[in-house]
Amino acid sequence: MPVMITLDSGRTVDAAIPENATLVADTIDKLRASITTAEQDATAAEAAAAKATATADELREQLDAERAKTTDAALQARISAITATRDAARKIAGAEFTCDSMDIMTIKREALKVAKPTTDWADKADMYVEARFDAAIESADAAPADNGQLRKLAADGATIVKPTDDEAPQSAYQKFKNTQANAWKGE
């Protein structure tokens, strides 16, 4: 009894014949390989789609975060923070302190550079700069209100003044001799 099978090519063959059975088996193996390849392609496409969706979600979150930074309230808060930092920096570095930067850490570093010029503030960690800035503000708040006059006084005290010959310091003996020599004048 003949067993008729239609192949994928559209050809009908009798599977009872051994040569045809091999042809049928080869065709079935090719179809299975095609199905496996198609399943693998579908899995890869699903993975790529999932990755693209994740990337799109991440970019959407970044966009939302950047949009949040540009709201009126966020901009007002940023301006207030910069203004407060500049005011605090003037307490540390003096009323004449200016800094064009809009970065709060840069303002703090510049103020500390004026107050303590021997320290290289550029290579210090942000947390260290924050702590030193806060400590300097506390010191400025505890000091008298006119910090500029105290700085001038300290600078003047550190200046070495050399007396002229007329102002040369006299020994106690020399002063005594001068007073005795001029005593008759009534001075």
N, C-alpha and C. Protein backbone atom coordinates (compact mmCIF):
# COMPACT_ATOMS: atom_id res chain seq x y z
N MET A 1 0.84 -1.15 0.00
CA MET A 1 0.00 0.00 0.00
C MET A 1 0.90 1.24 0.00
N PRO A 2 0.70 2.06 -0.97
CA PRO A 2 1.54 3.22 -1.08
C PRO A 2 1.17 4.29 -0.03
N VAL A 3 2.21 4.93 0.51
CA VAL A 3 2.03 6.01 1.48
C VAL A 3 2.50 7.28 0.76
N MET A 4 1.56 8.12 0.42
CA MET A 4 1.87 9.30 -0.36
C MET A 4 2.09 10.50 0.59
N ILE A 5 3.20 11.22 0.37
CA ILE A 5 3.54 12.39 1.19
C ILE A 5 3.88 13.53 0.23
N THR A 6 3.36 14.71 0.56
CA THR A 6 3.66 15.90 -0.24
C THR A 6 4.80 16.64 0.46
N LEU A 7 5.87 16.88 -0.28
CA LEU A 7 7.04 17.56 0.27
C LEU A 7 6.84 19.08 0.25
N ASP A 8 7.74 19.81 0.89
CA ASP A 8 7.62 21.27 0.95
C ASP A 8 7.79 21.90 -0.42
N SER A 9 8.37 21.17 -1.33
CA SER A 9 8.53 21.67 -2.70
C SER A 9 7.25 21.52 -3.50
N GLY A 10 6.27 20.82 -2.94
CA GLY A 10 5.01 20.59 -3.63
C GLY A 10 4.96 19.25 -4.36
N ARG A 11 6.03 18.53 -4.34
CA ARG A 11 6.12 17.23 -5.00
C ARG A 11 5.53 16.15 -4.12
N THR A 12 4.78 15.22 -4.68
CA THR A 12 4.18 14.11 -3.94
C THR A 12 4.98 12.85 -4.24
N VAL A 13 5.37 12.15 -3.13
CA VAL A 13 6.18 10.93 -3.28
C VAL A 13 5.59 9.83 -2.43
N ASP A 14 5.92 8.60 -2.78
CA ASP A 14 5.48 7.42 -2.01
C ASP A 14 6.55 7.14 -0.97
N ALA A 15 6.21 7.27 0.32
CA ALA A 15 7.16 7.09 1.41
C ALA A 15 7.50 5.63 1.64
N ALA A 16 6.75 4.70 1.05
CA ALA A 16 7.03 3.28 1.23
C ALA A 16 8.27 2.87 0.46
N ILE A 17 8.67 3.64 -0.50
CA ILE A 17 9.87 3.33 -1.26
C ILE A 17 11.05 3.87 -0.46
N PRO A 18 12.09 3.03 -0.23
CA PRO A 18 13.21 3.43 0.62
C PRO A 18 13.93 4.71 0.15
N GLU A 19 14.11 4.90 -1.14
CA GLU A 19 14.79 6.10 -1.63
C GLU A 19 13.97 7.34 -1.31
N ASN A 20 12.67 7.20 -1.44
CA ASN A 20 11.79 8.33 -1.14
C ASN A 20 11.75 8.60 0.36
N ALA A 21 11.87 7.56 1.20
CA ALA A 21 11.86 7.71 2.64
C ALA A 21 13.05 8.56 3.08
N THR A 22 14.21 8.36 2.46
CA THR A 22 15.39 9.15 2.77
C THR A 22 15.16 10.61 2.36
N LEU A 23 14.53 10.81 1.21
CA LEU A 23 14.23 12.14 0.74
C LEU A 23 13.27 12.85 1.70
N VAL A 24 12.29 12.11 2.21
CA VAL A 24 11.32 12.67 3.16
C VAL A 24 12.03 13.02 4.48
N ALA A 25 12.89 12.15 4.97
CA ALA A 25 13.61 12.39 6.22
C ALA A 25 14.51 13.63 6.09
N ASP A 26 15.19 13.77 4.94
CA ASP A 26 16.04 14.94 4.72
C ASP A 26 15.21 16.23 4.71
N THR A 27 14.05 16.14 4.07
CA THR A 27 13.17 17.31 4.02
C THR A 27 12.69 17.69 5.42
N ILE A 28 12.33 16.69 6.22
CA ILE A 28 11.87 16.95 7.59
C ILE A 28 13.00 17.54 8.42
N ASP A 29 14.22 17.04 8.27
CA ASP A 29 15.37 17.59 9.01
C ASP A 29 15.62 19.05 8.63
N LYS A 30 15.50 19.38 7.32
CA LYS A 30 15.68 20.76 6.88
C LYS A 30 14.60 21.67 7.47
N LEU A 31 13.37 21.16 7.51
CA LEU A 31 12.27 21.96 8.07
C LEU A 31 12.48 22.19 9.56
N ARG A 32 12.94 21.16 10.28
CA ARG A 32 13.22 21.33 11.71
C ARG A 32 14.33 22.36 11.94
N ALA A 33 15.39 22.31 11.11
CA ALA A 33 16.49 23.27 11.24
C ALA A 33 15.98 24.69 10.96
N SER A 34 15.11 24.82 9.97
CA SER A 34 14.53 26.13 9.67
C SER A 34 13.71 26.65 10.83
N ILE A 35 12.95 25.77 11.48
CA ILE A 35 12.14 26.17 12.63
C ILE A 35 13.04 26.59 13.79
N THR A 36 14.11 25.83 14.05
CA THR A 36 15.03 26.17 15.13
C THR A 36 15.69 27.53 14.87
N THR A 37 16.12 27.75 13.64
CA THR A 37 16.73 29.03 13.27
C THR A 37 15.73 30.17 13.45
N ALA A 38 14.49 29.95 13.02
CA ALA A 38 13.46 30.98 13.16
C ALA A 38 13.17 31.27 14.63
N GLU A 39 13.16 30.24 15.48
CA GLU A 39 12.95 30.44 16.92
C GLU A 39 14.11 31.23 17.54
N GLN A 40 15.34 30.89 17.12
CA GLN A 40 16.50 31.63 17.62
C GLN A 40 16.46 33.09 17.18
N ASP A 41 16.09 33.32 15.94
CA ASP A 41 15.98 34.69 15.43
C ASP A 41 14.91 35.46 16.20
N ALA A 42 13.79 34.79 16.50
CA ALA A 42 12.71 35.44 17.25
C ALA A 42 13.16 35.77 18.67
N THR A 43 13.90 34.87 19.30
CA THR A 43 14.42 35.12 20.65
C THR A 43 15.40 36.29 20.64
N ALA A 44 16.28 36.33 19.64
CA ALA A 44 17.24 37.43 19.54
C ALA A 44 16.51 38.75 19.29
N ALA A 45 15.49 38.72 18.47
CA ALA A 45 14.72 39.94 18.19
C ALA A 45 13.99 40.41 19.46
N GLU A 46 13.45 39.47 20.23
CA GLU A 46 12.79 39.83 21.49
C GLU A 46 13.79 40.45 22.47
N ALA A 47 15.00 39.88 22.54
CA ALA A 47 16.04 40.42 23.44
C ALA A 47 16.45 41.82 22.99
N ALA A 48 16.60 42.01 21.67
CA ALA A 48 16.96 43.34 21.17
C ALA A 48 15.86 44.34 21.45
N ALA A 49 14.61 43.91 21.30
CA ALA A 49 13.49 44.80 21.58
C ALA A 49 13.43 45.15 23.06
N ALA A 50 13.70 44.18 23.94
CA ALA A 50 13.71 44.44 25.38
C ALA A 50 14.84 45.41 25.73
N LYS A 51 16.01 45.24 25.11
CA LYS A 51 17.13 46.13 25.36
C LYS A 51 16.81 47.55 24.88
N ALA A 52 16.20 47.64 23.71
CA ALA A 52 15.82 48.95 23.18
C ALA A 52 14.79 49.63 24.07
N THR A 53 13.85 48.85 24.59
CA THR A 53 12.84 49.40 25.49
C THR A 53 13.50 49.89 26.78
N ALA A 54 14.43 49.12 27.32
CA ALA A 54 15.13 49.53 28.54
C ALA A 54 15.94 50.80 28.30
N THR A 55 16.62 50.89 27.17
CA THR A 55 17.39 52.08 26.83
C THR A 55 16.47 53.29 26.68
N ALA A 56 15.34 53.08 26.02
CA ALA A 56 14.38 54.18 25.86
C ALA A 56 13.84 54.63 27.22
N ASP A 57 13.55 53.69 28.11
CA ASP A 57 13.07 54.04 29.45
C ASP A 57 14.13 54.82 30.22
N GLU A 58 15.38 54.38 30.12
CA GLU A 58 16.47 55.07 30.81
C GLU A 58 16.65 56.49 30.28
N LEU A 59 16.60 56.65 28.96
CA LEU A 59 16.73 57.98 28.37
C LEU A 59 15.54 58.87 28.73
N ARG A 60 14.36 58.27 28.82
CA ARG A 60 13.18 59.03 29.23
C ARG A 60 13.33 59.53 30.67
N GLU A 61 13.87 58.67 31.54
CA GLU A 61 14.10 59.08 32.94
C GLU A 61 15.14 60.20 33.01
N GLN A 62 16.21 60.10 32.22
CA GLN A 62 17.23 61.16 32.20
C GLN A 62 16.64 62.47 31.69
N LEU A 63 15.79 62.38 30.66
CA LEU A 63 15.14 63.57 30.12
C LEU A 63 14.23 64.20 31.17
N ASP A 64 13.48 63.38 31.88
CA ASP A 64 12.61 63.90 32.93
C ASP A 64 13.41 64.57 34.03
N ALA A 65 14.56 63.97 34.40
CA ALA A 65 15.41 64.56 35.43
C ALA A 65 15.97 65.91 34.96
N GLU A 66 16.38 66.00 33.70
CA GLU A 66 16.89 67.26 33.18
C GLU A 66 15.78 68.31 33.08
N ARG A 67 14.60 67.88 32.71
CA ARG A 67 13.47 68.82 32.67
C ARG A 67 13.14 69.34 34.06
N ALA A 68 13.26 68.46 35.07
CA ALA A 68 12.99 68.88 36.44
C ALA A 68 13.97 69.96 36.89
N LYS A 69 15.19 69.93 36.36
CA LYS A 69 16.20 70.93 36.73
C LYS A 69 15.88 72.30 36.14
N THR A 70 15.03 72.35 35.14
CA THR A 70 14.75 73.62 34.47
C THR A 70 13.39 74.21 34.86
N THR A 71 12.74 73.67 35.85
CA THR A 71 11.49 74.27 36.29
C THR A 71 11.78 75.58 37.01
N ASP A 72 10.79 76.42 37.09
CA ASP A 72 10.98 77.71 37.76
C ASP A 72 11.42 77.53 39.20
N ALA A 73 10.81 76.58 39.89
CA ALA A 73 11.16 76.34 41.29
C ALA A 73 12.60 75.85 41.42
N ALA A 74 13.01 74.95 40.53
CA ALA A 74 14.38 74.42 40.58
C ALA A 74 15.39 75.52 40.28
N LEU A 75 15.10 76.36 39.29
CA LEU A 75 16.02 77.45 38.97
C LEU A 75 16.09 78.46 40.11
N GLN A 76 14.96 78.76 40.73
CA GLN A 76 14.95 79.68 41.86
C GLN A 76 15.75 79.12 43.03
N ALA A 77 15.60 77.81 43.28
CA ALA A 77 16.36 77.17 44.36
C ALA A 77 17.85 77.22 44.06
N ARG A 78 18.24 77.00 42.81
CA ARG A 78 19.66 77.04 42.42
C ARG A 78 20.21 78.45 42.60
N ILE A 79 19.46 79.45 42.16
CA ILE A 79 19.91 80.84 42.30
C ILE A 79 20.04 81.20 43.77
N SER A 80 19.10 80.75 44.59
CA SER A 80 19.16 81.04 46.03
C SER A 80 20.39 80.38 46.65
N ALA A 81 20.67 79.15 46.25
CA ALA A 81 21.84 78.45 46.80
C ALA A 81 23.14 79.14 46.39
N ILE A 82 23.22 79.59 45.16
CA ILE A 82 24.43 80.29 44.69
C ILE A 82 24.58 81.62 45.43
N THR A 83 23.49 82.35 45.59
CA THR A 83 23.54 83.63 46.30
C THR A 83 23.95 83.44 47.75
N ALA A 84 23.38 82.44 48.41
CA ALA A 84 23.74 82.17 49.80
C ALA A 84 25.21 81.79 49.92
N THR A 85 25.70 81.01 48.97
CA THR A 85 27.11 80.61 49.00
C THR A 85 28.02 81.82 48.79
N ARG A 86 27.65 82.70 47.87
CA ARG A 86 28.47 83.90 47.64
C ARG A 86 28.48 84.80 48.87
N ASP A 87 27.31 84.95 49.52
CA ASP A 87 27.26 85.76 50.74
C ASP A 87 28.14 85.16 51.83
N ALA A 88 28.09 83.85 51.97
CA ALA A 88 28.94 83.19 52.97
C ALA A 88 30.41 83.34 52.59
N ALA A 89 30.71 83.27 51.30
CA ALA A 89 32.10 83.40 50.85
C ALA A 89 32.63 84.80 51.16
N ARG A 90 31.78 85.81 51.08
CA ARG A 90 32.21 87.17 51.41
C ARG A 90 32.53 87.31 52.90
N LYS A 91 31.87 86.51 53.73
CA LYS A 91 32.20 86.52 55.16
C LYS A 91 33.62 86.00 55.38
N ILE A 92 34.00 85.04 54.55
CA ILE A 92 35.31 84.41 54.71
C ILE A 92 36.41 85.22 54.02
N ALA A 93 36.14 85.63 52.78
CA ALA A 93 37.19 86.25 51.97
C ALA A 93 37.14 87.77 51.97
N GLY A 94 36.15 88.35 52.59
CA GLY A 94 36.05 89.81 52.64
C GLY A 94 34.96 90.31 51.71
N ALA A 95 34.50 91.52 51.98
CA ALA A 95 33.39 92.10 51.23
C ALA A 95 33.73 92.33 49.77
N GLU A 96 35.00 92.48 49.44
CA GLU A 96 35.39 92.73 48.05
C GLU A 96 35.47 91.45 47.22
N PHE A 97 35.22 90.30 47.81
CA PHE A 97 35.33 89.02 47.11
C PHE A 97 34.30 88.94 45.98
N THR A 98 34.76 88.54 44.81
CA THR A 98 33.87 88.29 43.67
C THR A 98 34.28 86.98 43.01
N CYS A 99 33.27 86.30 42.48
CA CYS A 99 33.52 85.06 41.76
C CYS A 99 32.41 84.92 40.72
N ASP A 100 32.78 84.76 39.46
CA ASP A 100 31.80 84.68 38.38
C ASP A 100 31.23 83.29 38.19
N SER A 101 31.73 82.31 38.88
CA SER A 101 31.29 80.94 38.69
C SER A 101 29.88 80.72 39.21
N MET A 102 29.17 79.82 38.57
CA MET A 102 27.83 79.42 39.02
C MET A 102 27.89 78.07 39.74
N ASP A 103 29.10 77.52 39.84
CA ASP A 103 29.29 76.25 40.54
C ASP A 103 29.59 76.53 42.01
N ILE A 104 28.78 75.97 42.88
CA ILE A 104 28.90 76.25 44.31
C ILE A 104 30.26 75.82 44.85
N MET A 105 30.75 74.68 44.42
CA MET A 105 32.06 74.21 44.91
C MET A 105 33.19 75.14 44.44
N THR A 106 33.08 75.66 43.23
CA THR A 106 34.11 76.58 42.74
C THR A 106 34.11 77.86 43.57
N ILE A 107 32.93 78.36 43.90
CA ILE A 107 32.84 79.57 44.74
C ILE A 107 33.50 79.31 46.09
N LYS A 108 33.22 78.16 46.69
CA LYS A 108 33.79 77.83 48.00
C LYS A 108 35.31 77.72 47.91
N ARG A 109 35.80 77.06 46.85
CA ARG A 109 37.26 76.91 46.69
C ARG A 109 37.93 78.28 46.52
N GLU A 110 37.32 79.16 45.73
CA GLU A 110 37.90 80.48 45.49
C GLU A 110 37.92 81.30 46.79
N ALA A 111 36.85 81.22 47.58
CA ALA A 111 36.81 81.96 48.85
C ALA A 111 37.89 81.43 49.80
N LEU A 112 38.03 80.13 49.87
CA LEU A 112 39.06 79.56 50.74
C LEU A 112 40.46 79.90 50.23
N LYS A 113 40.61 80.01 48.91
CA LYS A 113 41.91 80.37 48.33
C LYS A 113 42.30 81.79 48.77
N VAL A 114 41.31 82.68 48.87
CA VAL A 114 41.60 84.04 49.32
C VAL A 114 41.92 84.04 50.82
N ALA A 115 41.14 83.28 51.59
CA ALA A 115 41.32 83.26 53.04
C ALA A 115 42.59 82.52 53.45
N LYS A 116 42.92 81.46 52.76
CA LYS A 116 44.10 80.66 53.09
C LYS A 116 44.88 80.39 51.80
N PRO A 117 45.65 81.35 51.34
CA PRO A 117 46.31 81.23 50.03
C PRO A 117 47.44 80.20 49.98
N THR A 118 47.92 79.73 51.10
CA THR A 118 49.03 78.77 51.07
C THR A 118 48.56 77.36 50.78
N THR A 119 47.26 77.13 50.80
CA THR A 119 46.72 75.80 50.56
C THR A 119 46.24 75.70 49.12
N ASP A 120 46.55 74.56 48.47
CA ASP A 120 46.07 74.32 47.11
C ASP A 120 44.70 73.65 47.21
N TRP A 121 43.65 74.43 47.01
CA TRP A 121 42.29 73.93 47.18
C TRP A 121 41.78 73.14 45.99
N ALA A 122 42.45 73.23 44.86
CA ALA A 122 41.99 72.55 43.65
C ALA A 122 42.06 71.03 43.78
N ASP A 123 43.05 70.53 44.52
CA ASP A 123 43.20 69.07 44.61
C ASP A 123 42.52 68.48 45.85
N LYS A 124 41.83 69.29 46.61
CA LYS A 124 41.15 68.80 47.81
C LYS A 124 39.79 68.21 47.43
N ALA A 125 39.38 67.18 48.16
CA ALA A 125 38.09 66.53 47.92
C ALA A 125 36.96 67.49 48.27
N ASP A 126 35.83 67.32 47.60
CA ASP A 126 34.69 68.20 47.83
C ASP A 126 34.25 68.18 49.29
N MET A 127 34.25 67.03 49.91
CA MET A 127 33.82 66.93 51.31
C MET A 127 34.76 67.72 52.21
N TYR A 128 36.05 67.67 51.93
CA TYR A 128 37.04 68.42 52.72
C TYR A 128 36.81 69.92 52.56
N VAL A 129 36.59 70.35 51.33
CA VAL A 129 36.34 71.77 51.07
C VAL A 129 35.07 72.22 51.79
N GLU A 130 34.03 71.39 51.73
CA GLU A 130 32.77 71.72 52.42
C GLU A 130 33.02 71.91 53.92
N ALA A 131 33.76 71.00 54.51
CA ALA A 131 34.01 71.06 55.95
C ALA A 131 34.84 72.30 56.30
N ARG A 132 35.87 72.59 55.54
CA ARG A 132 36.70 73.76 55.82
C ARG A 132 35.93 75.05 55.60
N PHE A 133 35.07 75.07 54.58
CA PHE A 133 34.25 76.24 54.31
C PHE A 133 33.29 76.49 55.47
N ASP A 134 32.64 75.42 55.95
CA ASP A 134 31.72 75.56 57.08
C ASP A 134 32.46 76.03 58.33
N ALA A 135 33.64 75.49 58.56
CA ALA A 135 34.43 75.91 59.73
C ALA A 135 34.85 77.37 59.60
N ALA A 136 35.20 77.80 58.40
CA ALA A 136 35.59 79.19 58.19
C ALA A 136 34.40 80.13 58.41
N ILE A 137 33.22 79.69 58.02
CA ILE A 137 32.02 80.51 58.25
C ILE A 137 31.75 80.63 59.75
N GLU A 138 31.88 79.52 60.46
CA GLU A 138 31.68 79.56 61.91
C GLU A 138 32.69 80.50 62.57
N SER A 139 33.93 80.47 62.11
CA SER A 139 34.95 81.37 62.66
C SER A 139 34.62 82.82 62.33
N ALA A 140 34.14 83.05 61.11
CA ALA A 140 33.80 84.42 60.71
C ALA A 140 32.59 84.93 61.50
N ASP A 141 31.63 84.04 61.77
CA ASP A 141 30.46 84.44 62.55
C ASP A 141 30.84 84.72 64.00
N ALA A 142 31.83 84.01 64.50
CA ALA A 142 32.25 84.21 65.89
C ALA A 142 33.14 85.43 66.04
N ALA A 143 33.79 85.86 64.97
CA ALA A 143 34.71 87.01 65.01
C ALA A 143 33.91 88.31 64.99
N PRO A 144 34.53 89.41 65.36
CA PRO A 144 33.85 90.71 65.28
C PRO A 144 33.37 90.98 63.86
N ALA A 145 32.41 91.88 63.77
CA ALA A 145 31.76 92.13 62.49
C ALA A 145 32.72 92.68 61.44
N ASP A 146 33.68 93.51 61.82
CA ASP A 146 34.56 94.12 60.84
C ASP A 146 35.82 93.27 60.66
N ASN A 147 35.66 92.20 59.93
CA ASN A 147 36.76 91.26 59.71
C ASN A 147 37.84 91.90 58.85
N GLY A 148 37.48 92.86 57.99
CA GLY A 148 38.46 93.51 57.14
C GLY A 148 39.46 94.32 57.94
N GLN A 149 39.00 95.02 58.97
CA GLN A 149 39.91 95.81 59.81
C GLN A 149 40.86 94.90 60.57
N LEU A 150 40.37 93.77 61.02
CA LEU A 150 41.26 92.85 61.73
C LEU A 150 42.34 92.32 60.80
N ARG A 151 41.97 92.04 59.56
CA ARG A 151 42.97 91.57 58.59
C ARG A 151 44.00 92.65 58.32
N LYS A 152 43.55 93.88 58.18
CA LYS A 152 44.48 95.00 57.93
C LYS A 152 45.40 95.17 59.13
N LEU A 153 44.85 95.08 60.33
CA LEU A 153 45.66 95.21 61.53
C LEU A 153 46.70 94.10 61.59
N ALA A 154 46.30 92.88 61.26
CA ALA A 154 47.25 91.77 61.27
C ALA A 154 48.32 91.96 60.21
N ALA A 155 47.93 92.45 59.04
CA ALA A 155 48.91 92.69 57.98
C ALA A 155 49.87 93.80 58.38
N ASP A 156 49.34 94.86 58.99
CA ASP A 156 50.21 95.95 59.43
C ASP A 156 51.15 95.50 60.53
N GLY A 157 50.67 94.66 61.42
CA GLY A 157 51.51 94.16 62.51
C GLY A 157 52.61 93.25 62.00
N ALA A 158 52.35 92.60 60.87
CA ALA A 158 53.35 91.70 60.31
C ALA A 158 54.38 92.44 59.47
N THR A 159 54.14 93.69 59.18
CA THR A 159 55.07 94.47 58.38
C THR A 159 56.23 94.93 59.25
N ILE A 160 57.40 94.73 58.76
CA ILE A 160 58.60 95.14 59.50
C ILE A 160 58.93 96.57 59.11
N VAL A 161 58.98 97.43 60.10
CA VAL A 161 59.29 98.84 59.87
C VAL A 161 60.70 99.07 60.38
N LYS A 162 61.55 99.57 59.50
CA LYS A 162 62.93 99.85 59.88
C LYS A 162 63.01 101.33 60.28
N PRO A 163 63.52 101.62 61.46
CA PRO A 163 63.61 103.02 61.89
C PRO A 163 64.71 103.75 61.13
N THR A 164 64.51 105.03 60.98
CA THR A 164 65.54 105.87 60.36
C THR A 164 66.59 106.18 61.44
N ASP A 165 67.65 106.85 61.05
CA ASP A 165 68.71 107.17 62.01
C ASP A 165 68.18 108.08 63.12
N ASP A 166 67.25 108.99 62.78
CA ASP A 166 66.69 109.89 63.78
C ASP A 166 65.83 109.13 64.77
N GLU A 167 65.24 108.04 64.32
CA GLU A 167 64.33 107.28 65.17
C GLU A 167 64.99 106.04 65.74
N ALA A 168 66.29 105.95 65.65
CA ALA A 168 66.98 104.76 66.12
C ALA A 168 66.67 104.54 67.60
N PRO A 169 66.40 103.32 67.97
CA PRO A 169 66.09 103.06 69.37
C PRO A 169 67.31 103.36 70.26
N GLN A 170 67.05 103.95 71.42
CA GLN A 170 68.13 104.30 72.34
C GLN A 170 68.11 103.33 73.51
N SER A 171 69.28 103.12 74.01
CA SER A 171 69.38 102.29 75.21
C SER A 171 68.91 103.11 76.40
N ALA A 172 68.62 102.47 77.48
CA ALA A 172 68.18 103.16 78.69
C ALA A 172 69.25 104.12 79.18
N TYR A 173 70.50 103.75 79.09
CA TYR A 173 71.60 104.62 79.53
C TYR A 173 71.66 105.88 78.68
N GLN A 174 71.50 105.68 77.35
CA GLN A 174 71.53 106.82 76.44
C GLN A 174 70.38 107.77 76.74
N LYS A 175 69.21 107.26 77.02
CA LYS A 175 68.06 108.10 77.37
C LYS A 175 68.35 108.89 78.66
N PHE A 176 68.97 108.23 79.66
CA PHE A 176 69.31 108.89 80.92
C PHE A 176 70.31 110.02 80.68
N LYS A 177 71.30 109.75 79.86
CA LYS A 177 72.30 110.77 79.56
C LYS A 177 71.67 111.97 78.88
N ASN A 178 70.77 111.72 77.96
CA ASN A 178 70.11 112.82 77.25
C ASN A 178 69.25 113.66 78.19
N THR A 179 68.53 113.00 79.10
CA THR A 179 67.71 113.76 80.03
C THR A 179 68.60 114.58 80.98
N GLN A 180 69.74 114.05 81.43
CA GLN A 180 70.63 114.78 82.34
C GLN A 180 71.31 115.94 81.61
N ALA A 181 71.65 115.67 80.35
CA ALA A 181 72.34 116.72 79.59
C ALA A 181 71.43 117.90 79.33
N ASN A 182 70.16 117.64 79.19
CA ASN A 182 69.21 118.71 78.88
C ASN A 182 68.40 119.14 80.12
N ALA A 183 68.77 118.70 81.27
CA ALA A 183 68.02 119.02 82.48
C ALA A 183 68.06 120.50 82.78
N TRP A 184 69.17 121.17 82.51
CA TRP A 184 69.31 122.59 82.79
C TRP A 184 68.33 123.45 81.97
N LYS A 185 67.82 122.82 80.77
CA LYS A 185 66.89 123.56 79.93
C LYS A 185 65.49 123.52 80.50
N GLY A 186 65.25 122.63 81.44
CA GLY A 186 63.93 122.49 82.05
C GLY A 186 63.01 121.61 81.22
N GLU A 187 63.58 120.80 80.45
CA GLU A 187 62.76 119.92 79.61
C GLU A 187 62.35 118.68 80.34
